[in-house]
Protein backbone atom coordinates (compact mmCIF):
# COMPACT_ATOMS: atom_id res chain seq x y z
CA UNK A 1 -78.84 -11.33 -58.68
CA UNK A 2 -77.81 -14.73 -60.33
CA UNK A 3 -73.93 -14.52 -60.92
CA UNK A 4 -72.02 -16.02 -64.20
CA UNK A 5 -69.19 -15.68 -65.90
CA UNK A 6 -70.41 -12.72 -67.54
CA UNK A 7 -71.63 -10.73 -64.52
CA UNK A 8 -67.49 -11.45 -63.47
CA UNK A 9 -66.03 -9.67 -66.37
CA UNK A 10 -68.76 -7.06 -65.88
CA UNK A 11 -67.83 -6.35 -62.68
CA UNK A 12 -64.23 -5.64 -63.71
CA UNK A 13 -65.24 -3.57 -66.52
CA UNK A 14 -67.54 -1.41 -63.88
CA UNK A 15 -64.73 -1.56 -61.88
CA UNK A 16 -66.84 -3.20 -58.86
CA UNK A 17 -64.70 -5.67 -56.57
CA UNK A 18 -65.89 -9.55 -56.57
CA UNK A 19 -66.21 -11.68 -53.35
CA UNK A 20 -65.70 -15.37 -53.37
CA UNK A 21 -65.48 -18.21 -50.33
CA UNK A 22 -64.81 -21.61 -50.41
CA UNK A 23 -67.70 -24.29 -49.58
CA UNK A 24 -67.99 -27.89 -49.25
CA UNK A 25 -71.59 -28.57 -48.23
CA UNK A 26 -75.24 -27.97 -48.28
CA UNK A 27 -75.61 -25.71 -45.35
CA UNK A 28 -72.77 -23.50 -45.33
CA UNK A 29 -73.05 -23.05 -48.90
CA UNK A 30 -76.47 -21.77 -48.36
CA UNK A 31 -75.32 -19.33 -45.38
CA UNK A 32 -72.61 -18.10 -47.76
CA UNK A 33 -74.79 -17.46 -50.77
CA UNK A 34 -77.31 -16.04 -48.89
CA UNK A 35 -75.11 -13.57 -47.78
CA UNK A 36 -74.79 -12.10 -51.27
CA UNK A 37 -71.26 -13.66 -52.49
CA UNK A 38 -70.67 -13.68 -55.50
CA UNK A 39 -68.76 -16.89 -55.90
CA UNK A 40 -68.20 -20.28 -54.44
CA UNK A 41 -65.09 -22.42 -54.97
CA UNK A 42 -65.45 -25.91 -54.26
CA UNK A 43 -61.52 -26.17 -53.64
CA UNK A 44 -59.05 -28.84 -53.40
CA UNK A 45 -58.32 -27.15 -49.78
CA UNK A 46 -61.10 -29.61 -48.35
CA UNK A 47 -57.89 -32.01 -48.33
CA UNK A 48 -56.69 -29.54 -45.43
CA UNK A 49 -59.82 -28.17 -43.71
CA UNK A 50 -62.30 -31.37 -44.15
CA UNK A 51 -59.94 -34.09 -44.38
CA UNK A 52 -57.25 -33.06 -42.39
CA UNK A 53 -54.63 -33.72 -44.84
CA UNK A 54 -51.12 -31.73 -44.82
CA UNK A 55 -51.46 -30.32 -48.05
CA UNK A 56 -54.19 -31.00 -51.42
CA UNK A 57 -52.39 -33.50 -53.19
CA UNK A 58 -54.53 -36.78 -52.01
CA UNK A 59 -57.98 -35.06 -53.03
CA UNK A 60 -59.70 -36.81 -55.69
CA UNK A 61 -61.81 -35.78 -58.96
CA UNK A 62 -64.85 -38.04 -57.19
CA UNK A 63 -64.34 -36.10 -53.98
CA UNK A 64 -64.73 -32.28 -55.62
CA UNK A 65 -67.87 -33.99 -57.92
CA UNK A 66 -69.35 -35.16 -54.31
CA UNK A 67 -68.58 -32.14 -52.75
CA UNK A 68 -69.67 -29.79 -55.46
CA UNK A 69 -73.47 -31.60 -55.35
CA UNK A 70 -73.94 -30.43 -52.23
CA UNK A 71 -73.16 -26.96 -52.58
CA UNK A 72 -74.61 -26.36 -55.43
CA UNK A 73 -78.32 -27.42 -53.71
CA UNK A 74 -77.16 -24.90 -51.31
CA UNK A 75 -76.34 -22.11 -53.65
CA UNK A 76 -78.77 -20.72 -55.86
CA UNK A 77 -77.26 -17.49 -56.90
CA UNK A 78 -73.33 -17.80 -56.65
CA UNK A 79 -70.98 -18.52 -59.21
CA UNK A 80 -70.09 -22.16 -58.20
CA UNK A 81 -66.50 -22.90 -59.20
CA UNK A 82 -64.73 -26.63 -59.04
CA UNK A 83 -61.02 -27.04 -58.39
CA UNK A 84 -59.42 -29.63 -60.59
CA UNK A 85 -57.43 -32.08 -58.66
CA UNK A 86 -53.58 -32.80 -58.76
CA UNK A 87 -53.48 -34.89 -61.79
CA UNK A 88 -56.69 -34.34 -63.28
CA UNK A 89 -55.76 -32.13 -66.40
CA UNK A 90 -51.59 -33.06 -66.03
CA UNK A 91 -51.69 -36.64 -67.94
CA UNK A 92 -53.50 -35.46 -71.14
CA UNK A 93 -55.85 -33.10 -72.83
CA UNK A 94 -58.37 -36.09 -73.13
CA UNK A 95 -58.05 -36.48 -69.25
CA UNK A 96 -58.50 -32.73 -68.60
CA UNK A 97 -61.53 -32.73 -71.08
CA UNK A 98 -63.40 -35.97 -69.55
CA UNK A 99 -62.85 -34.30 -65.74
CA UNK A 100 -63.59 -31.02 -66.16
CA UNK A 101 -67.01 -32.72 -67.87
CA UNK A 102 -67.64 -34.67 -64.96
CA UNK A 103 -67.36 -31.82 -62.80
CA UNK A 104 -69.94 -29.86 -64.40
CA UNK A 105 -72.28 -32.94 -65.47
CA UNK A 106 -72.22 -35.10 -62.54
CA UNK A 107 -71.05 -32.23 -59.80
CA UNK A 108 -73.56 -29.11 -61.34
CA UNK A 109 -70.55 -26.80 -61.33
CA UNK A 110 -70.64 -23.59 -63.76
CA UNK A 111 -66.52 -23.57 -64.17
CA UNK A 112 -63.71 -24.92 -63.28
CA UNK A 113 -60.14 -23.87 -62.00
CA UNK A 114 -56.99 -25.21 -62.55
CA UNK A 115 -53.10 -24.08 -61.54
CA UNK A 116 -50.49 -23.30 -63.89
CA UNK A 117 -49.51 -20.76 -66.24
CA UNK A 118 -47.74 -21.81 -69.69
CA UNK A 119 -47.52 -25.58 -68.85
CA UNK A 120 -51.72 -25.57 -68.90
CA UNK A 121 -52.45 -23.79 -71.78
CA UNK A 122 -53.24 -26.58 -74.16
CA UNK A 123 -55.67 -28.08 -71.38
CA UNK A 124 -57.26 -24.81 -70.67
CA UNK A 125 -57.78 -24.01 -74.33
CA UNK A 126 -59.39 -27.35 -75.04
CA UNK A 127 -61.61 -27.08 -71.84
CA UNK A 128 -62.64 -23.98 -72.97
CA UNK A 129 -63.52 -25.32 -76.50
CA UNK A 130 -65.50 -28.12 -74.66
CA UNK A 131 -68.03 -25.44 -73.87
CA UNK A 132 -66.61 -25.23 -69.75
CA UNK A 133 -65.48 -22.11 -68.67
CA UNK A 134 -62.00 -21.98 -66.89
CA UNK A 135 -60.77 -20.09 -63.98
CA UNK A 136 -57.08 -19.86 -64.00
CA UNK A 137 -54.46 -19.78 -60.69
CA UNK A 138 -51.18 -18.78 -60.77
CA UNK A 139 -48.36 -17.71 -58.15
CA UNK A 140 -48.15 -19.92 -54.92
CA UNK A 141 -50.12 -22.91 -56.53
CA UNK A 142 -50.84 -25.65 -53.53
CA UNK A 143 -50.62 -28.55 -56.02
CA UNK A 144 -46.89 -27.72 -57.01
CA UNK A 145 -45.95 -27.32 -53.07
CA UNK A 146 -43.35 -29.88 -53.75
CA UNK A 147 -41.76 -28.18 -56.67
CA UNK A 148 -41.80 -25.07 -54.75
CA UNK A 149 -40.06 -26.50 -51.57
CA UNK A 150 -43.00 -25.39 -49.31
CA UNK A 151 -46.03 -22.90 -49.29
CA UNK A 152 -43.98 -19.72 -50.27
CA UNK A 153 -44.46 -16.66 -51.66
CA UNK A 154 -44.31 -16.49 -55.75
CA UNK A 155 -43.18 -13.87 -57.83
CA UNK A 156 -40.28 -11.79 -55.79
CA UNK A 157 -37.68 -11.53 -58.25
CA UNK A 158 -37.97 -9.76 -61.84
CA UNK A 159 -38.18 -13.13 -63.82
CA UNK A 160 -40.74 -15.01 -61.77
CA UNK A 161 -42.69 -11.59 -61.60
CA UNK A 162 -42.01 -11.20 -65.61
CA UNK A 163 -42.93 -14.83 -66.03
CA UNK A 164 -46.48 -14.52 -63.77
CA UNK A 165 -47.60 -11.78 -66.04
CA UNK A 166 -47.10 -13.29 -69.46
CA UNK A 167 -48.93 -16.49 -67.82
CA UNK A 168 -51.53 -14.51 -67.19
CA UNK A 169 -51.90 -12.68 -70.08
CA UNK A 170 -51.60 -15.89 -72.03
CA UNK A 171 -54.50 -17.42 -70.05
CA UNK A 172 -56.69 -15.11 -71.35
CA UNK A 173 -55.65 -15.51 -74.96
CA UNK A 174 -56.35 -19.13 -74.42
CA UNK A 175 -59.95 -18.08 -72.94
CA UNK A 176 -59.73 -18.25 -69.26
CA UNK A 177 -62.76 -16.05 -67.78
CA UNK A 178 -60.69 -15.00 -64.38
CA UNK A 179 -57.83 -15.77 -62.55
CA UNK A 180 -57.03 -16.52 -59.02
CA UNK A 181 -53.40 -14.73 -57.85
CA UNK A 182 -52.32 -16.52 -54.66
CA UNK A 183 -49.07 -15.42 -52.95
CA UNK A 184 -47.44 -13.02 -54.62
CA UNK A 185 -46.49 -9.40 -53.70
CA UNK A 186 -49.35 -6.73 -53.84
CA UNK A 187 -47.25 -4.84 -56.70
CA UNK A 188 -47.15 -7.95 -58.67
CA UNK A 189 -50.56 -8.63 -58.34
CA UNK A 190 -51.60 -5.04 -59.35
CA UNK A 191 -49.11 -5.16 -62.79
CA UNK A 192 -51.08 -8.22 -63.71
CA UNK A 193 -54.95 -6.84 -62.80
CA UNK A 194 -54.08 -4.01 -65.15
CA UNK A 195 -52.62 -6.22 -68.10
CA UNK A 196 -55.70 -8.27 -68.44
CA UNK A 197 -59.10 -7.43 -68.95
CA UNK A 198 -60.29 -10.19 -67.19
CA UNK A 199 -60.94 -10.05 -63.07
CA UNK A 200 -58.27 -11.23 -61.09
CA UNK A 201 -58.97 -12.69 -57.40
CA UNK A 202 -56.49 -12.52 -55.36
CA UNK A 203 -55.75 -14.45 -52.42
CA UNK A 204 -52.54 -13.01 -50.40
CA UNK A 205 -52.27 -11.06 -53.45
CA UNK A 206 -53.13 -7.51 -51.89
CA UNK A 207 -56.07 -5.06 -52.63
CA UNK A 208 -55.41 -4.04 -56.16
CA UNK A 209 -56.95 -7.17 -57.51
CA UNK A 210 -60.18 -7.35 -58.70
CA UNK A 211 -61.85 -9.57 -56.28
CA UNK A 212 -60.79 -11.83 -53.07
CA UNK A 213 -61.16 -15.12 -52.07
CA UNK A 214 -60.60 -16.75 -48.78
CA UNK A 215 -60.90 -20.30 -46.93
CA UNK A 216 -64.49 -19.75 -45.28
CA UNK A 217 -62.89 -21.86 -42.00
CA UNK A 218 -59.71 -19.15 -42.03
CA UNK A 219 -61.67 -16.32 -42.17
CA UNK A 220 -64.44 -17.81 -39.41
CA UNK A 221 -61.30 -18.80 -36.96
CA UNK A 222 -62.89 -22.54 -37.53
CA UNK A 223 -59.22 -23.54 -38.89
CA UNK A 224 -56.10 -22.53 -36.53
CA UNK A 225 -53.40 -25.45 -37.40
CA UNK A 226 -52.10 -22.79 -39.57
CA UNK A 227 -53.03 -19.45 -39.66
CA UNK A 228 -51.32 -17.73 -42.90
CA UNK A 229 -50.40 -14.13 -42.99
CA UNK A 230 -52.86 -12.55 -45.76
CA UNK A 231 -55.96 -14.31 -43.90
CA UNK A 232 -58.10 -12.13 -41.57
CA UNK A 233 -60.28 -13.71 -39.14
CA UNK A 234 -63.73 -12.12 -39.17
CA UNK A 235 -65.00 -13.95 -36.04
CA UNK A 236 -63.77 -16.58 -33.58
CA UNK A 237 -66.98 -19.18 -34.64
CA UNK A 238 -64.52 -22.31 -33.47
CA UNK A 239 -64.43 -20.89 -30.21
CA UNK A 240 -68.16 -20.07 -29.90
CA UNK A 241 -68.77 -23.82 -30.97
CA UNK A 242 -66.35 -25.12 -28.41
CA UNK A 243 -68.28 -23.42 -25.70
CA UNK A 244 -71.44 -24.25 -27.12
CA UNK A 245 -70.63 -27.90 -27.16
CA UNK A 246 -69.27 -27.96 -23.87
CA UNK A 247 -72.58 -26.05 -22.47
CA UNK A 248 -74.37 -29.26 -24.37
CA UNK A 249 -72.27 -31.93 -22.60
CA UNK A 250 -72.70 -30.52 -19.00
CA UNK A 251 -76.23 -29.89 -19.25
CA UNK A 252 -76.72 -33.54 -20.60
CA UNK A 253 -74.40 -34.53 -17.58
CA UNK A 254 -76.37 -32.91 -15.47
CA UNK A 255 -79.74 -33.84 -16.42
CA UNK A 256 -80.65 -30.26 -17.38
CA UNK A 257 -81.54 -31.14 -21.16
CA UNK A 258 -83.45 -31.94 -22.56
CA UNK A 259 -86.31 -29.45 -20.71
CA UNK A 260 -89.93 -30.24 -20.68
CA UNK A 261 -90.62 -28.11 -23.70
CA UNK A 262 -88.24 -30.25 -25.85
CA UNK A 263 -90.07 -33.45 -25.44
CA UNK A 264 -93.13 -34.88 -26.80
CA UNK A 265 -96.62 -35.47 -24.80
CA UNK A 266 -99.00 -38.75 -24.51
CA UNK A 267 -102.56 -38.29 -23.96
CA UNK A 268 -102.97 -39.62 -20.48
CA UNK A 269 -105.58 -42.10 -21.72
CA UNK A 270 -103.06 -43.58 -24.23
CA UNK A 271 -100.55 -43.64 -21.74
CA UNK A 272 -102.51 -45.92 -18.81
CA UNK A 273 -103.28 -48.57 -21.73
CA UNK A 274 -99.26 -49.25 -21.64
CA UNK A 275 -99.48 -50.31 -17.84
């Protein structure tokens, strides 16, 4: 089934949980899409899991567009959402519309995601008015890592929890079709999910969200630099890949690969003419 912003909203109305994963290339997007995922996020997490950076801040609009184009070719049914990188929507409303438009027009995204609450309401309203669906992002917003003093859980006090709820309601009012809730107490995420009629997508926000999202390298056990508490590893793909590569190296060194079945033949008469 083709997933759209409308099917996301309908899923919440029907009490159906939504599933999302990140992807950054054609091959992985094809595998994830064919598994029946609802949405794929081309996240600025690529800064860490693809580029090897310490955070997401150095990711550019051009990089997001490049990876979105690759993912779009592999994913035929998932809703494709592109992250708006740091400073791509902070400087002005005009910049926000322009960069969001590039992600849709050049990258092929169906929607964009940006971080923040009350501070980004004008940008969200303007992007939605430009006919581009917007996914919000509240809580532990990675682009604010320096302001937060690290990757810390948000919304643990009455004041900050109330602000998150207010921000979620405000994001819905200006047109966001869904909201990612990251790194907040499960009970706060539950209150937010009940306060808005649009789906909430949790990552480290408990099971009462309307859906869940994870970075695929984390859930497949491919990225072990740091494993957040909220990540469940469903496989140890990194270990399997390492073992397979080790076998390949050993067989090449011992002359065991390639075997005859991996090689091509030439007609004997044609071969004689080469001598």
